[in-house]
Every structure is written in C-alpha cells, then in structure tokens.
C-alpha cells in the first residue's frame, strides 16, 4: 500500500504541485500530471484507483498508464516522499 511520508507539506493546483519534506529540508516540484496523481494520493486513493481513473478520463491504454504511474511512484519513493512501492513491480494485477 502506498503511503505518504510524514512531515510533508504540499500545495497542489492545476499547474502541478510543490512538496516540502521538512525532515530532509527538500523541495520537490511536480508538473500538472504529477500534481494530479499527488492530490489523489493525499485523498487516500490507491495506485490501482488512480490508474483506473486516468484510463477512464484519458482513454489511454491501461498498460501504458499502469507503467507510467508505477515509474512516477517509484521516483517519489526514491525522493523519500512515499513508502510502500516496490521498485520494478510492474503489474498490479486485476486491471
């Protein structure tokens, strides 16, 4: 299960997001799509729910969206913003 790391502060708008990791004195900026995903993570949506919503809203191929979301979440994990993501885990199953 994907979880946000504690001690984070963020601002999300239609242009993207800015995330402050107080524990590391680190700022991360995200583009509009990154902000879209980040906001949904903050709202408690699962990785699978985010993928399904993106496929529904964009009509994009589910495997492509699944892959791209996984890579994005792995990147956020490498920046110490998320936990619960296994690097290289490509299929969530059930989609």
N, C-alpha and C. Protein backbone atom coordinates (compact mmCIF):
# COMPACT_ATOMS: atom_id res chain seq x y z
N UNK A 1 0.83 -1.18 0.00
CA UNK A 1 0.00 0.00 0.00
C UNK A 1 0.88 1.25 0.00
N UNK A 2 0.53 2.18 -0.87
CA UNK A 2 1.28 3.42 -1.00
C UNK A 2 0.88 4.36 0.13
N UNK A 3 1.89 4.93 0.80
CA UNK A 3 1.64 5.88 1.88
C UNK A 3 2.55 7.08 1.72
N UNK A 4 2.01 8.26 2.03
CA UNK A 4 2.84 9.46 2.05
C UNK A 4 3.71 9.43 3.30
N UNK A 5 4.92 9.90 3.17
CA UNK A 5 5.83 10.00 4.30
C UNK A 5 5.33 11.14 5.21
N UNK A 6 5.53 10.99 6.50
CA UNK A 6 5.10 12.06 7.41
C UNK A 6 6.01 13.28 7.26
N UNK A 7 5.60 14.39 7.82
CA UNK A 7 6.34 15.66 7.79
C UNK A 7 6.38 16.30 6.41
N UNK A 8 5.39 16.00 5.57
CA UNK A 8 5.33 16.63 4.25
C UNK A 8 4.29 17.74 4.26
N UNK A 9 4.57 18.78 3.53
CA UNK A 9 3.62 19.86 3.28
C UNK A 9 3.57 20.03 1.77
N UNK A 10 2.37 20.24 1.23
CA UNK A 10 2.29 20.40 -0.21
C UNK A 10 1.22 21.41 -0.59
N UNK A 11 1.42 21.98 -1.77
CA UNK A 11 0.45 22.86 -2.41
C UNK A 11 0.23 22.29 -3.80
N UNK A 12 -1.04 22.05 -4.14
CA UNK A 12 -1.39 21.48 -5.44
C UNK A 12 -2.37 22.42 -6.12
N UNK A 13 -2.12 22.71 -7.39
CA UNK A 13 -3.09 23.45 -8.20
C UNK A 13 -3.08 22.87 -9.61
N UNK A 14 -3.76 23.51 -10.54
CA UNK A 14 -3.87 22.96 -11.90
C UNK A 14 -2.54 22.92 -12.65
N UNK A 15 -1.55 23.65 -12.20
CA UNK A 15 -0.24 23.66 -12.84
C UNK A 15 0.71 22.59 -12.31
N UNK A 16 0.39 21.99 -11.16
CA UNK A 16 1.26 20.99 -10.57
C UNK A 16 1.24 21.05 -9.06
N UNK A 17 2.38 20.72 -8.47
CA UNK A 17 2.47 20.69 -7.01
C UNK A 17 3.88 21.05 -6.56
N UNK A 18 3.96 21.55 -5.35
CA UNK A 18 5.22 21.78 -4.67
C UNK A 18 5.12 21.04 -3.34
N UNK A 19 6.12 20.19 -3.08
CA UNK A 19 6.11 19.37 -1.87
C UNK A 19 7.35 19.69 -1.06
N UNK A 20 7.14 20.00 0.22
CA UNK A 20 8.24 20.26 1.14
C UNK A 20 8.36 19.08 2.09
N UNK A 21 9.51 18.46 2.10
CA UNK A 21 9.81 17.39 3.05
C UNK A 21 10.62 18.04 4.18
N UNK A 22 9.93 18.36 5.27
CA UNK A 22 10.56 19.05 6.40
C UNK A 22 11.71 18.25 7.00
N UNK A 23 11.58 16.95 7.06
CA UNK A 23 12.61 16.11 7.68
C UNK A 23 13.93 16.16 6.92
N UNK A 24 13.85 16.40 5.61
CA UNK A 24 15.06 16.40 4.78
C UNK A 24 15.41 17.79 4.24
N UNK A 25 14.61 18.80 4.60
CA UNK A 25 14.81 20.14 4.02
C UNK A 25 14.89 20.06 2.49
N UNK A 26 13.91 19.39 1.91
CA UNK A 26 13.93 19.11 0.48
C UNK A 26 12.61 19.59 -0.14
N UNK A 27 12.71 20.27 -1.29
CA UNK A 27 11.53 20.70 -2.03
C UNK A 27 11.50 19.94 -3.35
N UNK A 28 10.32 19.41 -3.69
CA UNK A 28 10.12 18.71 -4.95
C UNK A 28 8.97 19.40 -5.68
N UNK A 29 9.16 19.67 -6.96
CA UNK A 29 8.09 20.25 -7.77
C UNK A 29 7.61 19.20 -8.76
N UNK A 30 6.31 19.23 -9.02
CA UNK A 30 5.68 18.29 -9.95
C UNK A 30 4.93 19.07 -11.02
N UNK A 31 4.89 18.50 -12.23
CA UNK A 31 4.10 19.11 -13.29
C UNK A 31 2.62 18.83 -13.06
N UNK A 32 1.77 19.21 -14.01
CA UNK A 32 0.32 19.08 -13.84
C UNK A 32 -0.11 17.63 -13.60
N UNK A 33 0.43 16.70 -14.35
CA UNK A 33 0.06 15.29 -14.17
C UNK A 33 0.57 14.77 -12.83
N UNK A 34 1.77 15.16 -12.45
CA UNK A 34 2.30 14.76 -11.15
C UNK A 34 1.44 15.32 -10.03
N UNK A 35 0.99 16.57 -10.18
CA UNK A 35 0.10 17.16 -9.19
C UNK A 35 -1.23 16.44 -9.11
N UNK A 36 -1.73 16.02 -10.26
CA UNK A 36 -2.99 15.25 -10.32
C UNK A 36 -2.86 13.97 -9.50
N UNK A 37 -1.77 13.25 -9.73
CA UNK A 37 -1.55 11.98 -9.01
C UNK A 37 -1.30 12.26 -7.53
N UNK A 38 -0.48 13.24 -7.22
CA UNK A 38 -0.16 13.56 -5.83
C UNK A 38 -1.44 13.90 -5.04
N UNK A 39 -2.29 14.72 -5.64
CA UNK A 39 -3.54 15.10 -4.96
C UNK A 39 -4.38 13.87 -4.65
N UNK A 40 -4.45 12.93 -5.57
CA UNK A 40 -5.23 11.72 -5.34
C UNK A 40 -4.59 10.83 -4.27
N UNK A 41 -3.27 10.82 -4.21
CA UNK A 41 -2.62 10.09 -3.12
C UNK A 41 -2.96 10.73 -1.78
N UNK A 42 -2.95 12.06 -1.72
CA UNK A 42 -3.31 12.78 -0.49
C UNK A 42 -4.74 12.47 -0.07
N UNK A 43 -5.61 12.24 -1.05
CA UNK A 43 -7.02 11.94 -0.77
C UNK A 43 -7.23 10.47 -0.39
N UNK A 44 -6.15 9.68 -0.41
CA UNK A 44 -6.25 8.29 0.01
C UNK A 44 -6.53 7.30 -1.10
N UNK A 45 -6.49 7.74 -2.35
CA UNK A 45 -6.72 6.80 -3.44
C UNK A 45 -5.55 5.83 -3.55
N UNK A 46 -5.85 4.60 -3.94
CA UNK A 46 -4.81 3.60 -4.15
C UNK A 46 -4.21 3.77 -5.54
N UNK A 47 -3.09 3.12 -5.75
CA UNK A 47 -2.43 3.15 -7.05
C UNK A 47 -3.39 2.62 -8.13
N UNK A 48 -4.07 1.54 -7.84
CA UNK A 48 -5.00 0.96 -8.80
C UNK A 48 -6.14 1.92 -9.11
N UNK A 49 -6.67 2.59 -8.10
CA UNK A 49 -7.75 3.55 -8.31
C UNK A 49 -7.29 4.72 -9.17
N UNK A 50 -6.08 5.19 -8.95
CA UNK A 50 -5.53 6.29 -9.75
C UNK A 50 -5.39 5.87 -11.20
N UNK A 51 -4.85 4.68 -11.42
CA UNK A 51 -4.70 4.17 -12.78
C UNK A 51 -6.06 4.07 -13.47
N UNK A 52 -7.03 3.48 -12.79
CA UNK A 52 -8.37 3.33 -13.37
C UNK A 52 -8.98 4.68 -13.72
N UNK A 53 -8.83 5.66 -12.83
CA UNK A 53 -9.38 6.99 -13.07
C UNK A 53 -8.70 7.66 -14.27
N UNK A 54 -7.39 7.53 -14.37
CA UNK A 54 -6.67 8.11 -15.51
C UNK A 54 -7.10 7.45 -16.82
N UNK A 55 -7.24 6.14 -16.82
CA UNK A 55 -7.68 5.43 -18.03
C UNK A 55 -9.08 5.90 -18.42
N UNK A 56 -9.95 6.02 -17.43
CA UNK A 56 -11.33 6.48 -17.67
C UNK A 56 -11.35 7.89 -18.24
N UNK A 57 -10.54 8.79 -17.68
CA UNK A 57 -10.57 10.19 -18.07
C UNK A 57 -9.83 10.47 -19.38
N UNK A 58 -8.81 9.68 -19.69
CA UNK A 58 -7.99 9.97 -20.88
C UNK A 58 -8.22 9.01 -22.03
N UNK A 59 -8.73 7.83 -21.74
CA UNK A 59 -8.89 6.82 -22.78
C UNK A 59 -7.58 6.16 -23.19
N UNK A 60 -6.54 6.41 -22.43
CA UNK A 60 -5.22 5.84 -22.73
C UNK A 60 -5.21 4.34 -22.41
N UNK A 61 -4.24 3.66 -22.99
CA UNK A 61 -4.06 2.23 -22.78
C UNK A 61 -3.73 1.95 -21.32
N UNK A 62 -4.44 0.98 -20.72
CA UNK A 62 -4.28 0.68 -19.29
C UNK A 62 -2.85 0.26 -18.96
N UNK A 63 -2.21 -0.52 -19.80
CA UNK A 63 -0.84 -0.96 -19.51
C UNK A 63 0.14 0.21 -19.53
N UNK A 64 -0.08 1.13 -20.44
CA UNK A 64 0.79 2.31 -20.52
C UNK A 64 0.61 3.17 -19.28
N UNK A 65 -0.64 3.42 -18.89
CA UNK A 65 -0.90 4.23 -17.71
C UNK A 65 -0.35 3.55 -16.46
N UNK A 66 -0.58 2.26 -16.36
CA UNK A 66 -0.08 1.50 -15.21
C UNK A 66 1.43 1.62 -15.10
N UNK A 67 2.12 1.46 -16.20
CA UNK A 67 3.58 1.56 -16.23
C UNK A 67 4.05 2.96 -15.83
N UNK A 68 3.42 3.98 -16.42
CA UNK A 68 3.83 5.36 -16.14
C UNK A 68 3.58 5.75 -14.69
N UNK A 69 2.44 5.36 -14.15
CA UNK A 69 2.14 5.67 -12.75
C UNK A 69 3.13 4.96 -11.83
N UNK A 70 3.42 3.69 -12.14
CA UNK A 70 4.38 2.94 -11.33
C UNK A 70 5.74 3.62 -11.32
N UNK A 71 6.22 4.03 -12.50
CA UNK A 71 7.51 4.73 -12.58
C UNK A 71 7.50 6.03 -11.77
N UNK A 72 6.40 6.76 -11.86
CA UNK A 72 6.28 8.02 -11.13
C UNK A 72 6.32 7.77 -9.62
N UNK A 73 5.58 6.76 -9.17
CA UNK A 73 5.57 6.45 -7.74
C UNK A 73 6.93 5.95 -7.26
N UNK A 74 7.63 5.22 -8.10
CA UNK A 74 9.00 4.80 -7.75
C UNK A 74 9.91 6.00 -7.61
N UNK A 75 9.73 7.00 -8.49
CA UNK A 75 10.54 8.21 -8.40
C UNK A 75 10.24 8.97 -7.11
N UNK A 76 8.96 9.07 -6.76
CA UNK A 76 8.61 9.74 -5.49
C UNK A 76 9.18 8.98 -4.30
N UNK A 77 9.20 7.66 -4.38
CA UNK A 77 9.79 6.84 -3.31
C UNK A 77 11.28 7.12 -3.20
N UNK A 78 11.96 7.22 -4.34
CA UNK A 78 13.41 7.49 -4.32
C UNK A 78 13.72 8.87 -3.75
N UNK A 79 12.74 9.77 -3.78
CA UNK A 79 12.90 11.11 -3.21
C UNK A 79 12.42 11.18 -1.75
N UNK A 80 12.14 10.01 -1.18
CA UNK A 80 11.70 9.89 0.23
C UNK A 80 10.38 10.60 0.49
N UNK A 81 9.45 10.54 -0.48
CA UNK A 81 8.14 11.14 -0.31
C UNK A 81 7.05 10.10 -0.11
N UNK A 82 7.30 8.86 -0.52
CA UNK A 82 6.34 7.76 -0.40
C UNK A 82 7.01 6.54 0.19
N UNK A 83 6.18 5.67 0.76
CA UNK A 83 6.62 4.33 1.15
C UNK A 83 5.61 3.34 0.59
N UNK A 84 6.00 2.08 0.53
CA UNK A 84 5.09 1.04 0.09
C UNK A 84 5.18 0.70 -1.37
N UNK A 85 6.14 1.28 -2.09
CA UNK A 85 6.32 0.98 -3.51
C UNK A 85 7.53 0.08 -3.67
N UNK A 86 7.35 -1.01 -4.39
CA UNK A 86 8.45 -1.91 -4.69
C UNK A 86 9.01 -1.54 -6.05
N UNK A 87 10.27 -1.20 -6.11
CA UNK A 87 10.91 -0.82 -7.36
C UNK A 87 10.90 -2.02 -8.29
N UNK A 88 10.48 -1.77 -9.53
CA UNK A 88 10.46 -2.82 -10.54
C UNK A 88 9.16 -3.61 -10.56
N UNK A 89 8.24 -3.33 -9.66
CA UNK A 89 6.95 -4.02 -9.64
C UNK A 89 6.09 -3.42 -10.72
N UNK A 90 5.93 -4.11 -11.83
CA UNK A 90 5.27 -3.52 -12.99
C UNK A 90 3.79 -3.83 -13.11
N UNK A 91 3.34 -4.96 -12.67
CA UNK A 91 1.92 -5.30 -12.80
C UNK A 91 1.27 -5.29 -11.44
N UNK A 92 0.17 -4.57 -11.33
CA UNK A 92 -0.57 -4.52 -10.08
C UNK A 92 -1.57 -5.66 -10.03
N UNK A 93 -1.92 -6.21 -11.18
CA UNK A 93 -2.90 -7.30 -11.23
C UNK A 93 -4.31 -6.79 -11.09
N UNK A 94 -5.21 -7.47 -11.76
CA UNK A 94 -6.61 -7.14 -11.64
C UNK A 94 -7.09 -6.00 -12.52
N UNK A 95 -6.22 -5.43 -13.31
CA UNK A 95 -6.66 -4.35 -14.21
C UNK A 95 -6.98 -4.88 -15.56
